[in-house]
Amino acid sequence: PKPAFMKLTTTPVVRAMTFTKQVFQDIVLPINKLEEQIDKSEEFFDTYPILVYPCRIYDHGEHRGQLRPPRPDQMVPGTNYGMFNDLGVYGVPRAVRERKRWDAVTAMRNMEAY
């Protein structure tokens, strides 16, 4: 089944729980900041395991592709790409598991601002 159809069949309570009690976060960041990314993920979500996989982002020119081209300082010398990683955080944050207050919106915005 298509995800859009599955979303239509969920109840409002289940939808609310999904968005306020769980994390589904994917963010692409420079790979040379991986340790810092993991620290931030723990600070905002504190849930494991996390998914980390490397990816190249090519410089196809301005306004081309889904992602903006890497900055000059992010380029691998002698290539037309920069090395990044996708950091995937999926699960129930520790605060929720411990029945403590957790603000999903603030946590997501903090990670995206990082």
C-alpha atoms as a PDB file:
ATOM      1  CA  PRO A   1       0.000   0.000   0.000  1.00  0.00           C
ATOM      2  CA  LYS A   2       1.003   3.559  -0.596  1.00  0.00           C
ATOM      3  CA  PRO A   3       2.037   5.634   2.463  1.00  0.00           C
ATOM      4  CA  ALA A   4      -0.541   8.303   1.627  1.00  0.00           C
ATOM      5  CA  PHE A   5      -3.311   5.696   1.793  1.00  0.00           C
ATOM      6  CA  MET A   6      -1.976   4.326   5.073  1.00  0.00           C
ATOM      7  CA  LYS A   7      -1.982   7.823   6.575  1.00  0.00           C
ATOM      8  CA  LEU A   8      -5.642   8.226   5.634  1.00  0.00           C
ATOM      9  CA  THR A   9      -6.563   5.072   7.500  1.00  0.00           C
ATOM     10  CA  THR A  10      -4.930   6.022  10.800  1.00  0.00           C
ATOM     11  CA  THR A  11      -6.987   7.507  13.578  1.00  0.00           C
ATOM     12  CA  PRO A  12      -6.352  11.055  14.848  1.00  0.00           C
ATOM     13  CA  VAL A  13      -5.012   9.616  18.124  1.00  0.00           C
ATOM     14  CA  VAL A  14      -2.491   7.424  16.314  1.00  0.00           C
ATOM     15  CA  ARG A  15      -1.447  10.324  14.075  1.00  0.00           C
ATOM     16  CA  ALA A  16      -0.967  12.606  17.079  1.00  0.00           C
ATOM     17  CA  MET A  17       1.062   9.953  18.894  1.00  0.00           C
ATOM     18  CA  THR A  18       3.241   9.387  15.826  1.00  0.00           C
ATOM     19  CA  PHE A  19       4.145  13.064  15.579  1.00  0.00           C
ATOM     20  CA  THR A  20       4.592  13.813  19.281  1.00  0.00           C
ATOM     21  CA  LYS A  21       6.028  10.604  20.739  1.00  0.00           C
ATOM     22  CA  GLN A  22       8.385   9.357  18.035  1.00  0.00           C
ATOM     23  CA  VAL A  23      11.271  10.618  15.938  1.00  0.00           C
ATOM     24  CA  PHE A  24      11.532  10.239  12.172  1.00  0.00           C
ATOM     25  CA  GLN A  25      14.434  12.514  11.255  1.00  0.00           C
ATOM     26  CA  ASP A  26      16.747  12.381   8.243  1.00  0.00           C
ATOM     27  CA  ILE A  27      19.243  15.144   7.725  1.00  0.00           C
ATOM     28  CA  VAL A  28      22.212  15.465   5.382  1.00  0.00           C
ATOM     29  CA  LEU A  29      25.289  17.089   6.911  1.00  0.00           C
ATOM     30  CA  PRO A  30      29.036  17.358   6.164  1.00  0.00           C
ATOM     31  CA  ILE A  31      30.722  14.083   7.075  1.00  0.00           C
ATOM     32  CA  ASN A  32      33.617  15.859   8.803  1.00  0.00           C
ATOM     33  CA  LYS A  33      31.126  16.895  11.531  1.00  0.00           C
ATOM     34  CA  LEU A  34      29.865  13.355  12.234  1.00  0.00           C
ATOM     35  CA  GLU A  35      30.879  13.212  15.905  1.00  0.00           C
ATOM     36  CA  GLU A  36      29.193  16.557  16.561  1.00  0.00           C
ATOM     37  CA  GLN A  37      26.056  15.370  14.712  1.00  0.00           C
ATOM     38  CA  ILE A  38      25.790  12.306  16.920  1.00  0.00           C
ATOM     39  CA  ASP A  39      26.226  14.457  20.038  1.00  0.00           C
ATOM     40  CA  LYS A  40      23.437  16.794  18.851  1.00  0.00           C
ATOM     41  CA  SER A  41      21.196  13.842  18.016  1.00  0.00           C
ATOM     42  CA  GLU A  42      21.673  12.501  21.525  1.00  0.00           C
ATOM     43  CA  GLU A  43      21.020  15.929  23.034  1.00  0.00           C
ATOM     44  CA  PHE A  44      17.760  16.449  21.100  1.00  0.00           C
ATOM     45  CA  PHE A  45      16.393  12.890  20.801  1.00  0.00           C
ATOM     46  CA  ASP A  46      18.488  10.437  22.858  1.00  0.00           C
ATOM     47  CA  THR A  47      17.375   7.412  20.910  1.00  0.00           C
ATOM     48  CA  TYR A  48      19.424   4.636  19.355  1.00  0.00           C
ATOM     49  CA  PRO A  49      20.304   3.032  17.074  1.00  0.00           C
ATOM     50  CA  ILE A  50      20.877   5.754  14.528  1.00  0.00           C
ATOM     51  CA  LEU A  51      21.513   5.269  10.832  1.00  0.00           C
ATOM     52  CA  VAL A  52      24.579   6.883   9.278  1.00  0.00           C
ATOM     53  CA  TYR A  53      25.505   6.453   5.663  1.00  0.00           C
ATOM     54  CA  PRO A  54      27.885   8.421   3.481  1.00  0.00           C
ATOM     55  CA  CYS A  55      26.832  10.236   0.342  1.00  0.00           C
ATOM     56  CA  ARG A  56      28.430  12.441  -2.250  1.00  0.00           C
ATOM     57  CA  ILE A  57      26.806  15.706  -3.193  1.00  0.00           C
ATOM     58  CA  TYR A  58      27.904  16.853  -6.601  1.00  0.00           C
ATOM     59  CA  ASP A  59      28.249  20.412  -7.771  1.00  0.00           C
ATOM     60  CA  HIS A  60      25.981  20.437 -10.828  1.00  0.00           C
ATOM     61  CA  GLY A  61      25.804  24.217 -10.782  1.00  0.00           C
ATOM     62  CA  GLU A  62      23.567  26.676  -9.016  1.00  0.00           C
ATOM     63  CA  HIS A  63      19.822  25.909  -8.950  1.00  0.00           C
ATOM     64  CA  ARG A  64      20.256  22.360 -10.278  1.00  0.00           C
ATOM     65  CA  GLY A  65      19.302  19.227  -8.403  1.00  0.00           C
ATOM     66  CA  GLN A  66      17.437  18.764  -5.148  1.00  0.00           C
ATOM     67  CA  LEU A  67      20.330  19.800  -2.920  1.00  0.00           C
ATOM     68  CA  ARG A  68      22.335  22.981  -3.145  1.00  0.00           C
ATOM     69  CA  PRO A  69      25.939  22.435  -4.246  1.00  0.00           C
ATOM     70  CA  PRO A  70      28.607  22.043  -1.585  1.00  0.00           C
ATOM     71  CA  ARG A  71      30.446  25.166  -0.528  1.00  0.00           C
ATOM     72  CA  PRO A  72      34.042  25.424  -1.805  1.00  0.00           C
ATOM     73  CA  ASP A  73      35.418  24.445   1.633  1.00  0.00           C
ATOM     74  CA  GLN A  74      33.270  21.276   1.584  1.00  0.00           C
ATOM     75  CA  MET A  75      34.554  20.016  -1.770  1.00  0.00           C
ATOM     76  CA  VAL A  76      36.901  17.039  -1.943  1.00  0.00           C
ATOM     77  CA  PRO A  77      40.097  18.404  -3.560  1.00  0.00           C
ATOM     78  CA  GLY A  78      40.339  17.626  -7.271  1.00  0.00           C
ATOM     79  CA  THR A  79      36.678  16.519  -7.588  1.00  0.00           C
ATOM     80  CA  ASN A  80      33.281  18.025  -8.279  1.00  0.00           C
ATOM     81  CA  TYR A  81      31.678  16.700  -5.091  1.00  0.00           C
ATOM     82  CA  GLY A  82      31.676  17.019  -1.321  1.00  0.00           C
ATOM     83  CA  MET A  83      31.366  14.159   1.171  1.00  0.00           C
ATOM     84  CA  PHE A  84      28.336  14.229   3.417  1.00  0.00           C
ATOM     85  CA  ASN A  85      26.367  11.752   5.433  1.00  0.00           C
ATOM     86  CA  ASP A  86      22.726  11.145   6.034  1.00  0.00           C
ATOM     87  CA  LEU A  87      21.957  10.927   9.732  1.00  0.00           C
ATOM     88  CA  GLY A  88      18.758   8.993  10.333  1.00  0.00           C
ATOM     89  CA  VAL A  89      17.158   9.030  13.753  1.00  0.00           C
ATOM     90  CA  TYR A  90      14.088   6.845  14.154  1.00  0.00           C
ATOM     91  CA  GLY A  91      12.416   5.683  17.328  1.00  0.00           C
ATOM     92  CA  VAL A  92      11.071   6.758  20.684  1.00  0.00           C
ATOM     93  CA  PRO A  93      13.137   9.377  22.542  1.00  0.00           C
ATOM     94  CA  ARG A  94      14.396   8.469  26.006  1.00  0.00           C
ATOM     95  CA  ALA A  95      12.238  11.168  27.638  1.00  0.00           C
ATOM     96  CA  VAL A  96       9.094   9.596  26.161  1.00  0.00           C
ATOM     97  CA  ARG A  97      10.193   6.100  27.229  1.00  0.00           C
ATOM     98  CA  GLU A  98      10.718   7.463  30.755  1.00  0.00           C
ATOM     99  CA  ARG A  99       7.313   9.209  30.655  1.00  0.00           C
ATOM    100  CA  LYS A 100       8.904  12.643  30.874  1.00  0.00           C
ATOM    101  CA  ARG A 101       7.962  15.741  28.902  1.00  0.00           C
ATOM    102  CA  TRP A 102       9.479  15.901  25.415  1.00  0.00           C
ATOM    103  CA  ASP A 103       8.744  18.679  22.921  1.00  0.00           C
ATOM    104  CA  ALA A 104       8.899  17.108  19.454  1.00  0.00           C
ATOM    105  CA  VAL A 105       8.547  20.376  17.562  1.00  0.00           C
ATOM    106  CA  THR A 106      11.373  22.085  19.455  1.00  0.00           C
ATOM    107  CA  ALA A 107      13.648  19.063  19.145  1.00  0.00           C
ATOM    108  CA  MET A 108      13.078  18.805  15.379  1.00  0.00           C
ATOM    109  CA  ARG A 109      13.579  22.540  14.862  1.00  0.00           C
ATOM    110  CA  ASN A 110      16.776  22.489  16.920  1.00  0.00           C
ATOM    111  CA  MET A 111      18.177  19.643  14.820  1.00  0.00           C
ATOM    112  CA  GLU A 112      17.228  21.345  11.572  1.00  0.00           C
ATOM    113  CA  ALA A 113      18.750  24.632  12.774  1.00  0.00           C
ATOM    114  CA  TYR A 114      21.977  22.825  13.636  1.00  0.00           C
END
